[in-house]
Amino acid sequence: MRRLISLIAALGLLSISGMAVLAQPVEPQPECRYFEEIGHNLCAPFLGYWTMNGGLPVFGYPIAEAADEVNPDLGEELLTQYFERERMEHHPENAGTSYEVLLGRLGNEVLLEMGRDWFTFPTGDPSDEHYFAETGHAIGNEFSDYWSSHGLDLGDTGISFAESLALFGYPISEPAMETNLAGDTVLTQWFERARFELHPDNPDGQQVLLGLLGAELMELQAGPALDVIASGLDHPRGLMVDAHDVIYVAEAGTSGEDCPGVEFGSYESVCFGDTGAITMIANGEQSQIIGELPSLGAPTQAMGAHDVIVGADGEVYFLVGVGADPTLLDQFGEIGEGFGYLYTVDDGAANPIADFAAHEIAENPDGAGIGINPYRFVMLDDGSFIVADSGANAVLHVTTDGTISTIAPIPAVMVDAPPALGLPEGAQIPMESVPTGIAIGPDGAIYVGELNGFPFLPGAAKVWRVTMDGEIEVFAEGFTNISDIAFDANGNLLVVEFAANGVLSGTPDGRLVQVLADGTQTTLADASDGLLLPNGIAVGIDGTIYVTNQSLFPGEGQVVSLTLN
């Protein structure tokens, strides 16, 4: 049988000690090849294929035992084994042919896991001799010889086009400078089953290297580890990260000792205090920029400082919400003052600059009951603000002098009344939007995520796209109780679900979802990763994602971070 052209020198094997071993080592199995270096077996039907088609230089070590797994393209369960550079799949329907074992499309899958949609990449020149109309990309001149001189053994004479295609697949990007996981910025090109990198300073024969896509995909699929950046927070809500990686967090605080003993909206009793704060986290140290902000505590709830923005000039702005009819605050006199405003910090004191209660009472944008809860906001280039008011169910514009106007109300939807309400069969009730997340998209439009009101139906929450002219349309849907949204470094939407199973489920399961431009949704982290009742989200300039976690646990709130590779 013909020997595959050796790739040993060309691949420039990376040290196994530099890779995380993603699956636990196992004991040697009979009739298998056991690799002590990594503690895994290679057995039939993959052992023969691995050996005949280049072995260690081509595929790398096995990094997990063979196991049944659903193929992402076919939706079928296949015997699968991961290697450092590839994934092999057993297709028994092709038994006795060269296609009984097939390779995974790992270049495509790793990009998808990274949130990079290659269909949006710049395309190649159709006149290029290495252009493939199938994907719209051309193999770079630096990589074309390598691609055509290596391939799987399909029985052809020499290395045929079909054999090269079987090993690497079509190009799915143009060559471009990218920084790899080792921190090297090199000319890179992605293929369906591989990633080529050009290292011109390497010796001849080792200048084109292949990425360890099998290991990278397993690591990406394992989910990101959540690193705790800050802890001990009281009901943390929104947050932001400035250009110096300083994190600012709005703490709603806890209930105080002043409990009037009267009803407040849907709450039988509330206690007011001054325990809210804006906290700064720099170089691992936590400090308060301003404290003693208005706070309100009720069973399973805390209201107060809900979001914070620090402008380019260092000016600190924050929202203090209340989540009820603001006219009810009048019965508490001075103790009820301070809720429902946009503030700035002036010489260490809170200075109100916009009154949301006054706007709601005068305008009532959604036409429902009077209510305010300014919850999230973003700053525009002109210094004005866009605010998601979850009590008013509206997107508002606030000018630099504090003038508030309505951009658009977010509509309620009619849903079947829960049986517990005792309404006639078939009766419907309005489920309010309760907008709780806001972001400016790559297209300059406003994006708004909603929590949804009672009965808090799972899967009913949406992300809306809103223009400054008030035009509104659904951008993404199928979520449950969204608490915040943001866009990642690649322009993909990030959605934080406060309670992925619904707020009435009694479980604190949170979820962070990434939505690609084509609508594909991927869970980046959930309760199994430690995401419990998350609330706010922000993305740092280096792409690190920050989330406020355990947001209903007084004194136990956190800021956690995760990084997408």
Protein backbone atom coordinates (compact mmCIF):
# COMPACT_ATOMS: atom_id res chain seq x y z
CA MET A 1 0.00 0.00 0.00
CA ARG A 2 1.28 3.45 -0.91
CA ARG A 3 2.77 5.48 1.90
CA LEU A 4 1.29 8.93 2.51
CA ILE A 5 3.88 11.67 1.95
CA SER A 6 5.45 12.34 5.32
CA LEU A 7 4.25 15.38 7.25
CA ILE A 8 6.59 14.92 10.20
CA ALA A 9 8.90 17.83 9.41
CA ALA A 10 6.18 20.07 7.98
CA LEU A 11 3.83 19.89 10.95
CA GLY A 12 6.31 21.04 13.57
CA LEU A 13 4.64 19.06 16.36
CA LEU A 14 3.81 21.07 19.44
CA SER A 15 4.78 19.72 22.85
CA ILE A 16 1.99 17.69 24.40
CA SER A 17 2.83 19.28 27.74
CA GLY A 18 1.58 22.58 26.36
CA MET A 19 -1.94 21.23 25.76
CA ALA A 20 -4.63 20.66 28.34
CA VAL A 21 -5.56 16.97 28.53
CA LEU A 22 -9.30 17.33 28.27
CA ALA A 23 -10.32 13.74 28.99
CA GLN A 24 -9.18 11.75 32.03
CA PRO A 25 -6.51 9.07 31.32
CA VAL A 26 -7.70 5.47 31.19
CA GLU A 27 -6.17 2.01 31.45
CA PRO A 28 -4.70 0.19 28.41
CA GLN A 29 -7.18 -1.94 26.47
CA PRO A 30 -6.42 -5.22 24.65
CA GLU A 31 -5.89 -5.14 20.88
CA CYS A 32 -5.41 -1.38 21.00
CA ARG A 33 -2.44 0.94 20.85
CA TYR A 34 -2.00 2.72 24.15
CA PHE A 35 -0.26 6.11 24.35
CA GLU A 36 1.35 6.54 27.74
CA GLU A 37 2.15 10.17 26.87
CA ILE A 38 -1.53 11.06 27.13
CA GLY A 39 -3.19 7.99 28.67
CA HIS A 40 -5.58 7.01 25.87
CA ASN A 41 -6.20 4.03 23.62
CA LEU A 42 -6.49 3.90 19.85
CA CYS A 43 -8.55 0.90 18.73
CA ALA A 44 -10.36 -0.40 15.65
CA PRO A 45 -11.86 0.95 13.50
CA PHE A 46 -9.72 4.06 13.91
CA LEU A 47 -6.33 2.44 14.56
CA GLY A 48 -5.83 1.20 11.00
CA TYR A 49 -7.02 4.46 9.47
CA TRP A 50 -4.75 6.50 11.75
CA THR A 51 -1.73 4.33 10.91
CA MET A 52 -2.23 4.21 7.13
CA ASN A 53 -2.90 7.92 6.72
CA GLY A 54 0.03 9.52 8.48
CA GLY A 55 -0.41 8.69 12.17
CA LEU A 56 0.98 11.07 14.75
CA PRO A 57 2.21 13.85 12.41
CA VAL A 58 -1.15 14.10 10.64
CA PHE A 59 -3.67 13.54 13.42
CA GLY A 60 -1.72 13.91 16.66
CA TYR A 61 -2.37 11.89 19.80
CA PRO A 62 -5.84 10.63 20.70
CA ILE A 63 -7.09 12.99 23.42
CA ALA A 64 -10.20 11.01 24.41
CA GLU A 65 -11.51 7.48 24.13
CA ALA A 66 -13.80 6.58 21.25
CA ALA A 67 -17.46 7.17 22.14
CA ASP A 68 -20.81 7.67 20.46
CA GLU A 69 -21.49 11.29 19.54
CA VAL A 70 -24.08 13.08 17.41
CA ASN A 71 -22.54 14.41 14.20
CA PRO A 72 -23.37 18.16 14.03
CA ASP A 73 -23.89 18.10 10.25
CA LEU A 74 -25.86 14.84 9.90
CA GLY A 75 -27.64 14.75 13.24
CA GLU A 76 -26.73 11.06 13.48
CA GLU A 77 -25.03 9.28 16.37
CA LEU A 78 -21.66 7.89 15.26
CA LEU A 79 -18.69 6.25 16.96
CA THR A 80 -16.28 9.17 17.28
CA GLN A 81 -12.76 9.77 18.55
CA TYR A 82 -10.95 13.08 19.03
CA PHE A 83 -7.29 13.63 18.20
CA GLU A 84 -5.15 16.71 18.64
CA ARG A 85 -5.76 17.83 15.06
CA GLU A 86 -8.88 15.99 13.99
CA ARG A 87 -12.00 14.04 14.82
CA MET A 88 -12.61 10.62 13.26
CA GLU A 89 -16.11 9.26 12.71
CA HIS A 90 -17.05 5.68 11.91
CA HIS A 91 -19.66 5.32 9.14
CA PRO A 92 -20.63 1.62 9.06
CA GLU A 93 -22.83 2.23 6.00
CA ASN A 94 -19.55 2.73 4.08
CA ALA A 95 -17.93 -0.48 5.36
CA GLY A 96 -15.32 -1.91 2.99
CA THR A 97 -14.69 1.43 1.26
CA SER A 98 -12.22 4.26 1.78
CA TYR A 99 -15.03 6.24 3.40
CA GLU A 100 -15.78 3.94 6.34
CA VAL A 101 -13.88 6.43 8.52
CA LEU A 102 -14.44 10.10 7.79
CA LEU A 103 -12.90 13.24 9.24
CA GLY A 104 -14.87 15.98 10.94
CA ARG A 105 -15.22 19.51 9.54
CA LEU A 106 -13.30 20.93 12.48
CA GLY A 107 -12.27 24.20 10.87
CA ASN A 108 -15.93 25.06 10.37
CA GLU A 109 -16.90 23.84 13.85
CA VAL A 110 -14.13 25.65 15.73
CA LEU A 111 -15.04 28.92 14.01
CA LEU A 112 -18.67 28.36 14.95
CA GLU A 113 -17.76 27.68 18.58
CA MET A 114 -15.68 30.86 18.56
CA GLY A 115 -18.67 32.83 17.31
CA ARG A 116 -17.06 33.56 13.93
CA ASP A 117 -19.40 33.09 10.99
CA TRP A 118 -17.18 32.35 7.98
CA PHE A 119 -20.06 33.07 5.61
CA THR A 120 -19.52 36.75 6.50
CA PHE A 121 -15.76 36.69 5.78
CA PRO A 122 -14.43 38.69 2.81
CA THR A 123 -14.46 36.48 -0.29
CA GLY A 124 -11.68 35.73 -2.77
CA ASP A 125 -10.98 36.71 -6.36
CA PRO A 126 -12.79 34.34 -8.76
CA SER A 127 -9.96 34.80 -11.26
CA ASP A 128 -7.42 33.30 -8.84
CA GLU A 129 -6.19 29.91 -10.04
CA HIS A 130 -6.71 28.50 -6.53
CA TYR A 131 -10.29 29.84 -6.21
CA PHE A 132 -13.13 27.51 -5.19
CA ALA A 133 -16.62 28.62 -6.17
CA GLU A 134 -18.05 26.16 -3.65
CA THR A 135 -17.02 28.44 -0.76
CA GLY A 136 -16.03 31.66 -2.51
CA HIS A 137 -12.43 31.50 -1.29
CA ALA A 138 -9.01 30.95 -2.83
CA ILE A 139 -6.12 29.07 -1.27
CA GLY A 140 -3.34 31.54 -0.55
CA ASN A 141 -0.19 31.24 -2.62
CA GLU A 142 1.75 30.63 0.59
CA PHE A 143 -0.39 27.56 1.33
CA SER A 144 -1.31 26.13 -2.09
CA ASP A 145 1.74 23.86 -2.45
CA TYR A 146 1.22 22.46 1.01
CA TRP A 147 -2.49 21.80 0.40
CA SER A 148 -1.90 20.02 -2.91
CA SER A 149 1.08 17.96 -1.74
CA HIS A 150 -0.69 16.26 1.18
CA GLY A 151 -3.75 14.08 1.27
CA LEU A 152 -5.44 10.96 2.56
CA ASP A 153 -4.76 7.60 0.94
CA LEU A 154 -7.77 6.92 -1.28
CA GLY A 155 -5.79 4.64 -3.61
CA ASP A 156 -5.03 7.27 -6.26
CA THR A 157 -1.68 7.65 -7.97
CA GLY A 158 0.42 10.29 -6.26
CA ILE A 159 -1.51 12.89 -4.27
CA SER A 160 -4.74 13.63 -6.10
CA PHE A 161 -7.05 16.60 -5.74
CA ALA A 162 -9.64 14.33 -4.12
CA GLU A 163 -7.11 13.15 -1.54
CA SER A 164 -6.08 16.68 -0.60
CA LEU A 165 -9.71 17.71 -0.40
CA ALA A 166 -10.50 14.73 1.84
CA LEU A 167 -7.76 15.73 4.28
CA PHE A 168 -8.21 19.51 4.44
CA GLY A 169 -11.51 20.39 2.75
CA TYR A 170 -12.21 23.63 0.89
CA PRO A 171 -10.82 26.99 2.05
CA ILE A 172 -13.40 28.89 4.12
CA SER A 173 -11.46 32.11 4.61
CA GLU A 174 -8.91 34.23 2.82
CA PRO A 175 -5.37 34.36 4.24
CA ALA A 176 -5.24 36.99 6.99
CA MET A 177 -3.08 37.89 9.95
CA GLU A 178 -4.46 36.33 13.14
CA THR A 179 -3.14 35.76 16.64
CA ASN A 180 -3.11 32.07 17.53
CA LEU A 181 -3.52 30.49 20.96
CA ALA A 182 0.24 30.59 21.50
CA GLY A 183 0.15 34.37 21.10
CA ASP A 184 1.87 34.45 17.70
CA THR A 185 0.42 36.78 15.06
CA VAL A 186 0.86 34.91 11.78
CA LEU A 187 -0.65 34.60 8.34
CA THR A 188 -3.57 32.22 8.79
CA GLN A 189 -6.08 30.49 6.54
CA TRP A 190 -9.02 28.34 7.59
CA PHE A 191 -10.18 25.23 5.76
CA GLU A 192 -13.15 22.98 6.41
CA ARG A 193 -10.97 20.48 8.28
CA ALA A 194 -7.81 22.41 9.13
CA ARG A 195 -6.18 25.73 9.92
CA PHE A 196 -2.93 26.64 8.15
CA GLU A 197 -0.42 29.02 9.71
CA LEU A 198 2.67 30.49 8.07
CA HIS A 199 5.77 30.78 10.26
CA PRO A 200 8.39 32.24 7.87
CA ASP A 201 11.19 32.20 10.45
CA ASN A 202 10.96 28.41 10.86
CA PRO A 203 13.37 26.11 8.98
CA ASP A 204 12.41 25.00 5.47
CA GLY A 205 9.74 22.33 5.57
CA GLN A 206 8.35 23.64 8.88
CA GLN A 207 7.04 27.01 7.81
CA VAL A 208 3.44 25.88 7.30
CA LEU A 209 1.99 24.47 10.51
CA LEU A 210 -1.44 22.99 11.23
CA GLY A 211 -3.56 24.03 14.20
CA LEU A 212 -4.55 21.56 16.92
CA LEU A 213 -8.24 21.87 16.06
CA GLY A 214 -9.33 18.64 17.74
CA ALA A 215 -8.00 19.77 21.11
CA GLU A 216 -9.30 23.30 20.61
CA LEU A 217 -12.80 22.09 19.75
CA MET A 218 -12.97 19.83 22.80
CA GLU A 219 -11.86 22.70 25.00
CA LEU A 220 -14.40 25.07 23.47
CA GLN A 221 -17.20 22.51 23.82
CA ALA A 222 -16.26 21.89 27.44
CA GLY A 223 -17.41 25.43 28.16
CA PRO A 224 -15.47 28.35 29.52
CA ALA A 225 -14.35 28.45 33.11
CA LEU A 226 -15.90 31.29 35.07
CA ASP A 227 -13.28 33.24 36.99
CA VAL A 228 -14.52 35.20 40.01
CA ILE A 229 -13.24 38.76 39.67
CA ALA A 230 -15.11 40.23 42.64
CA SER A 231 -17.28 38.90 45.45
CA GLY A 232 -19.16 40.05 48.53
CA LEU A 233 -21.46 42.35 46.52
CA ASP A 234 -25.02 43.26 47.53
CA HIS A 235 -27.45 42.46 44.69
CA PRO A 236 -25.08 43.41 41.81
CA ARG A 237 -26.84 44.58 38.68
CA GLY A 238 -25.36 46.29 35.60
CA LEU A 239 -21.66 46.81 35.01
CA MET A 240 -19.21 48.29 32.53
CA VAL A 241 -15.51 47.99 31.70
CA ASP A 242 -13.49 51.02 30.65
CA ALA A 243 -10.51 51.23 28.29
CA HIS A 244 -8.15 50.52 31.20
CA ASP A 245 -9.90 47.26 32.20
CA VAL A 246 -11.39 48.92 35.27
CA ILE A 247 -14.76 47.39 36.12
CA TYR A 248 -17.66 49.42 37.55
CA VAL A 249 -20.64 47.67 39.17
CA ALA A 250 -24.02 48.98 40.33
CA GLU A 251 -25.06 47.39 43.62
CA ALA A 252 -28.78 47.66 44.36
CA GLY A 253 -27.99 47.16 48.03
CA THR A 254 -30.19 45.54 50.65
CA SER A 255 -33.23 46.44 52.71
CA GLY A 256 -32.69 48.95 55.47
CA GLU A 257 -34.23 49.23 58.91
CA ASP A 258 -36.99 51.65 57.95
CA CYS A 259 -40.02 49.46 57.23
CA PRO A 260 -43.23 51.52 56.98
CA GLY A 261 -45.43 48.42 57.19
CA VAL A 262 -47.65 49.43 54.30
CA GLU A 263 -48.26 47.87 50.89
CA PHE A 264 -46.01 48.95 48.07
CA GLY A 265 -47.30 47.80 44.70
CA SER A 266 -47.41 44.01 44.75
CA TYR A 267 -45.34 43.81 47.92
CA GLU A 268 -47.04 43.60 51.30
CA SER A 269 -44.17 45.35 53.00
CA VAL A 270 -40.88 46.90 52.06
CA CYS A 271 -37.92 48.26 53.94
CA PHE A 272 -35.99 51.29 52.75
CA GLY A 273 -32.34 51.97 53.30
CA ASP A 274 -29.22 53.60 51.93
CA THR A 275 -27.08 50.56 51.16
CA GLY A 276 -26.76 50.92 47.38
CA ALA A 277 -23.38 51.70 45.87
CA ILE A 278 -21.26 52.05 42.75
CA THR A 279 -18.20 49.85 43.16
CA MET A 280 -14.95 49.98 41.21
CA ILE A 281 -12.73 46.93 40.66
CA ALA A 282 -9.17 47.73 39.59
CA ASN A 283 -6.17 45.39 39.76
CA GLY A 284 -8.19 42.95 41.83
CA GLU A 285 -9.06 45.55 44.47
CA GLN A 286 -12.66 46.66 45.22
CA SER A 287 -13.57 50.16 46.34
CA GLN A 288 -16.72 52.27 46.38
CA ILE A 289 -16.92 55.34 44.19
CA ILE A 290 -20.11 56.35 45.97
CA GLY A 291 -22.19 54.65 48.64
CA GLU A 292 -25.29 55.29 50.73
CA LEU A 293 -27.50 55.23 47.65
CA PRO A 294 -31.27 54.64 47.98
CA SER A 295 -32.14 50.97 48.37
CA LEU A 296 -35.39 49.12 48.80
CA GLY A 297 -35.78 45.56 49.99
CA ALA A 298 -38.72 43.21 49.63
CA PRO A 299 -39.04 39.42 49.60
CA THR A 300 -36.85 37.98 46.78
CA GLN A 301 -36.18 41.47 45.47
CA ALA A 302 -33.92 44.44 45.87
CA MET A 303 -34.16 47.72 44.04
CA GLY A 304 -31.83 50.65 43.83
CA ALA A 305 -28.75 51.27 41.71
CA HIS A 306 -29.29 49.21 38.56
CA ASP A 307 -26.66 50.32 36.05
CA VAL A 308 -23.54 52.46 35.71
CA ILE A 309 -21.63 54.20 32.91
CA VAL A 310 -18.31 55.98 33.12
CA GLY A 311 -17.75 58.42 30.30
CA ALA A 312 -14.50 59.05 28.44
CA ASP A 313 -13.90 62.06 30.67
CA GLY A 314 -14.28 59.93 33.82
CA GLU A 315 -17.76 61.24 34.65
CA VAL A 316 -19.80 58.59 36.50
CA TYR A 317 -23.49 58.12 35.69
CA PHE A 318 -25.90 55.66 37.27
CA LEU A 319 -29.59 54.70 37.37
CA VAL A 320 -31.63 54.14 40.52
CA GLY A 321 -34.82 52.23 39.78
CA VAL A 322 -37.84 51.25 41.84
CA GLY A 323 -40.09 48.84 39.90
CA ALA A 324 -43.51 50.23 40.85
CA ASP A 325 -45.94 53.12 40.51
CA PRO A 326 -43.78 56.11 41.54
CA THR A 327 -46.78 57.93 43.05
CA LEU A 328 -46.75 55.29 45.80
CA LEU A 329 -43.41 56.68 46.99
CA ASP A 330 -45.10 59.89 48.10
CA GLN A 331 -46.63 58.14 51.11
CA PHE A 332 -43.15 57.56 52.49
CA GLY A 333 -42.10 61.19 52.46
CA GLU A 334 -38.35 61.80 52.45
CA ILE A 335 -37.63 58.09 52.73
CA GLY A 336 -39.13 57.49 49.29
CA GLU A 337 -37.17 60.20 47.55
CA GLY A 338 -34.24 59.32 45.36
CA PHE A 339 -35.74 56.48 43.32
CA GLY A 340 -36.36 56.69 39.58
CA TYR A 341 -33.56 59.04 38.54
CA LEU A 342 -30.50 59.21 36.33
CA TYR A 343 -27.66 60.54 38.47
CA THR A 344 -24.15 61.76 38.01
CA VAL A 345 -21.50 61.81 40.74
CA ASP A 346 -20.58 65.38 41.61
CA ASP A 347 -17.82 65.88 44.19
CA GLY A 348 -18.63 62.52 45.75
CA ALA A 349 -22.37 63.20 45.94
CA ALA A 350 -25.28 61.92 43.81
CA ASN A 351 -26.67 64.66 41.57
CA PRO A 352 -30.01 63.84 39.83
CA ILE A 353 -30.19 64.91 36.19
CA ALA A 354 -33.31 63.15 34.81
CA ASP A 355 -36.64 62.28 36.50
CA PHE A 356 -38.26 59.18 35.01
CA ALA A 357 -41.31 59.38 37.27
CA ALA A 358 -42.23 62.78 35.87
CA HIS A 359 -41.95 61.50 32.30
CA GLU A 360 -44.00 58.38 33.00
CA ILE A 361 -46.79 60.28 34.74
CA ALA A 362 -46.94 62.80 31.88
CA GLU A 363 -46.54 60.43 28.92
CA ASN A 364 -47.17 56.79 30.00
CA PRO A 365 -45.64 55.46 26.72
CA ASP A 366 -47.07 51.92 26.81
CA GLY A 367 -50.57 53.04 27.83
CA ALA A 368 -50.69 50.53 30.69
CA GLY A 369 -50.52 51.24 34.39
CA ILE A 370 -48.10 53.88 35.63
CA GLY A 371 -44.75 52.36 36.54
CA ILE A 372 -41.04 53.10 36.33
CA ASN A 373 -37.82 51.17 36.72
CA PRO A 374 -34.95 52.64 34.70
CA TYR A 375 -32.83 49.51 34.47
CA ARG A 376 -30.18 49.70 31.75
CA PHE A 377 -28.69 52.46 29.66
CA VAL A 378 -26.05 53.18 27.06
CA MET A 379 -24.29 56.42 26.21
CA LEU A 380 -24.26 57.81 22.66
CA ASP A 381 -21.37 59.71 21.08
CA ASP A 382 -23.10 63.03 21.72
CA GLY A 383 -23.22 62.36 25.48
CA SER A 384 -26.95 61.58 25.60
CA PHE A 385 -28.37 58.26 26.80
CA ILE A 386 -30.71 55.50 25.64
CA VAL A 387 -32.53 53.91 28.58
CA ALA A 388 -34.48 50.67 28.91
CA ASP A 389 -37.21 51.40 31.47
CA SER A 390 -38.62 48.06 32.59
CA GLY A 391 -41.47 49.71 34.50
CA ALA A 392 -42.56 51.98 31.67
CA ASN A 393 -42.03 49.16 29.11
CA ALA A 394 -40.30 51.65 26.84
CA VAL A 395 -37.04 52.74 25.29
CA LEU A 396 -36.29 56.34 26.24
CA HIS A 397 -33.85 59.02 25.14
CA VAL A 398 -32.28 61.33 27.74
CA THR A 399 -30.42 64.42 26.56
CA THR A 400 -27.42 65.89 28.35
CA ASP A 401 -29.68 68.42 30.11
CA GLY A 402 -31.95 65.65 31.43
CA THR A 403 -34.84 65.99 28.97
CA ILE A 404 -36.58 62.63 28.48
CA SER A 405 -38.44 61.57 25.35
CA THR A 406 -39.91 58.25 24.24
CA ILE A 407 -38.23 56.42 21.35
CA ALA A 408 -40.61 53.45 21.35
CA PRO A 409 -42.78 51.44 23.75
CA ILE A 410 -42.13 47.69 23.77
CA PRO A 411 -45.46 45.93 23.27
CA ALA A 412 -47.10 43.42 25.58
CA VAL A 413 -48.41 40.14 24.17
CA MET A 414 -51.65 38.38 25.02
CA VAL A 415 -51.19 34.96 26.62
CA ASP A 416 -53.48 32.36 28.17
CA ALA A 417 -54.37 33.18 31.75
CA PRO A 418 -52.89 30.74 34.31
CA PRO A 419 -55.60 28.54 35.90
CA ALA A 420 -54.65 29.87 39.34
CA LEU A 421 -56.22 33.22 38.44
CA GLY A 422 -59.65 31.60 38.25
CA LEU A 423 -60.59 33.32 34.98
CA PRO A 424 -62.97 31.72 32.47
CA GLU A 425 -61.49 29.03 30.24
CA GLY A 426 -59.75 30.56 27.23
CA ALA A 427 -59.30 33.93 28.89
CA GLN A 428 -56.14 35.81 28.02
CA ILE A 429 -54.12 38.43 29.87
CA PRO A 430 -51.40 40.82 28.70
CA MET A 431 -47.82 39.74 29.44
CA GLU A 432 -45.78 42.93 29.59
CA SER A 433 -42.36 43.20 27.97
CA VAL A 434 -40.30 44.47 30.96
CA PRO A 435 -37.22 45.56 28.95
CA THR A 436 -34.11 44.90 31.01
CA GLY A 437 -31.20 44.85 28.55
CA ILE A 438 -29.98 47.37 26.02
CA ALA A 439 -27.05 47.65 23.62
CA ILE A 440 -26.05 49.48 20.47
CA GLY A 441 -25.44 46.99 17.67
CA PRO A 442 -22.71 46.99 15.02
CA ASP A 443 -25.30 48.50 12.65
CA GLY A 444 -25.91 51.45 14.97
CA ALA A 445 -29.42 50.33 15.92
CA ILE A 446 -30.70 49.88 19.47
CA TYR A 447 -31.17 46.32 20.70
CA VAL A 448 -33.42 45.60 23.66
CA GLY A 449 -33.80 42.38 25.66
CA GLU A 450 -36.91 41.71 27.75
CA LEU A 451 -37.53 39.87 31.00
CA ASN A 452 -41.28 39.57 30.40
CA GLY A 453 -43.85 40.06 33.13
CA PHE A 454 -46.34 37.70 34.75
CA PRO A 455 -46.87 34.83 33.97
CA PHE A 456 -43.19 34.82 32.91
CA LEU A 457 -43.63 32.18 30.21
CA PRO A 458 -40.45 30.23 29.36
CA GLY A 459 -39.27 30.79 25.81
CA ALA A 460 -41.37 33.92 25.31
CA ALA A 461 -38.68 36.58 25.76
CA LYS A 462 -37.34 38.37 22.69
CA VAL A 463 -34.58 40.71 21.66
CA TRP A 464 -35.96 43.69 19.75
CA ARG A 465 -34.22 45.89 17.20
CA VAL A 466 -35.27 49.53 17.56
CA THR A 467 -34.29 52.54 15.45
CA MET A 468 -33.99 56.09 16.74
CA ASP A 469 -37.11 56.81 14.68
CA GLY A 470 -39.08 54.33 16.79
CA GLU A 471 -39.29 51.50 14.27
CA ILE A 472 -39.30 48.17 16.10
CA GLU A 473 -38.93 44.54 15.01
CA VAL A 474 -38.02 41.20 16.58
CA PHE A 475 -34.33 40.38 16.12
CA ALA A 476 -34.07 37.11 18.10
CA GLU A 477 -36.50 35.07 20.18
CA GLY A 478 -36.98 31.90 22.18
CA PHE A 479 -35.36 33.20 25.39
CA THR A 480 -36.56 33.07 28.96
CA ASN A 481 -36.31 36.05 31.32
CA ILE A 482 -33.49 38.11 29.77
CA SER A 483 -31.69 40.40 32.20
CA ASP A 484 -29.11 42.00 29.91
CA ILE A 485 -27.54 41.94 26.44
CA ALA A 486 -24.28 43.05 24.81
CA PHE A 487 -22.30 42.50 21.62
CA ASP A 488 -19.03 40.57 21.68
CA ALA A 489 -15.76 41.48 19.97
CA ASN A 490 -16.94 39.81 16.74
CA GLY A 491 -20.28 41.63 16.62
CA ASN A 492 -22.33 38.67 17.86
CA LEU A 493 -25.16 39.23 20.31
CA LEU A 494 -24.69 38.00 23.89
CA VAL A 495 -27.84 37.35 25.92
CA VAL A 496 -27.94 36.83 29.68
CA GLU A 497 -30.91 34.83 30.93
CA PHE A 498 -31.55 35.56 34.58
CA ALA A 499 -33.59 32.37 34.99
CA ALA A 500 -33.27 29.97 32.06
CA ASN A 501 -36.15 27.85 33.37
CA GLY A 502 -38.37 30.81 34.23
CA VAL A 503 -38.57 32.94 37.37
CA LEU A 504 -41.45 30.84 38.70
CA SER A 505 -39.45 27.60 38.41
CA GLY A 506 -37.76 28.11 41.77
CA THR A 507 -34.35 27.29 40.29
CA PRO A 508 -31.50 29.83 40.02
CA ASP A 509 -30.27 28.46 36.70
CA GLY A 510 -28.76 31.18 34.57
CA ARG A 511 -27.56 31.03 31.00
CA LEU A 512 -25.34 33.03 28.66
CA VAL A 513 -26.23 32.64 24.97
CA GLN A 514 -24.39 33.84 21.88
CA VAL A 515 -26.43 34.67 18.77
CA LEU A 516 -24.59 34.74 15.43
CA ALA A 517 -25.54 36.96 12.51
CA ASP A 518 -27.42 34.06 10.89
CA GLY A 519 -29.49 33.53 14.06
CA THR A 520 -27.61 30.47 15.34
CA GLN A 521 -27.80 30.32 19.14
CA THR A 522 -25.07 28.73 21.26
CA THR A 523 -25.00 28.41 25.04
CA LEU A 524 -21.64 29.69 26.29
CA ALA A 525 -22.22 29.09 30.01
CA ASP A 526 -25.03 27.95 32.27
CA ALA A 527 -25.73 26.79 35.82
CA SER A 528 -23.41 23.81 35.42
CA ASP A 529 -20.59 26.34 35.02
CA GLY A 530 -21.71 28.24 38.12
CA LEU A 531 -23.93 30.83 36.44
CA LEU A 532 -26.65 31.44 39.03
CA LEU A 533 -29.16 34.28 38.70
CA PRO A 534 -26.82 36.38 36.54
CA ASN A 535 -27.84 39.94 35.83
CA GLY A 536 -25.60 42.35 33.91
CA ILE A 537 -23.03 41.85 31.15
CA ALA A 538 -20.17 43.88 29.70
CA VAL A 539 -17.40 43.14 27.21
CA GLY A 540 -13.86 44.40 27.75
CA ILE A 541 -11.69 45.87 25.00
CA ASP A 542 -9.78 42.57 24.79
CA GLY A 543 -13.01 40.60 24.30
CA THR A 544 -13.28 39.29 27.87
CA ILE A 545 -16.89 38.91 28.95
CA TYR A 546 -17.91 40.04 32.45
CA VAL A 547 -21.19 39.08 34.14
CA THR A 548 -22.68 39.96 37.50
CA ASN A 549 -23.57 36.66 39.17
CA GLN A 550 -25.65 35.55 42.16
CA SER A 551 -27.52 38.84 41.85
CA LEU A 552 -30.21 38.00 44.41
CA PHE A 553 -27.77 36.83 47.07
CA PRO A 554 -27.09 39.77 49.44
CA GLY A 555 -23.44 39.84 50.38
CA GLU A 556 -22.70 36.95 48.00
CA GLY A 557 -22.93 38.69 44.64
CA GLN A 558 -20.05 38.28 42.22
CA VAL A 559 -18.50 39.56 39.05
CA VAL A 560 -17.29 36.64 36.94
CA SER A 561 -15.36 36.64 33.69
CA LEU A 562 -14.97 34.29 30.78
CA THR A 563 -12.92 34.48 27.61
CA LEU A 564 -13.96 33.17 24.20
CA ASN A 565 -10.98 31.66 22.36
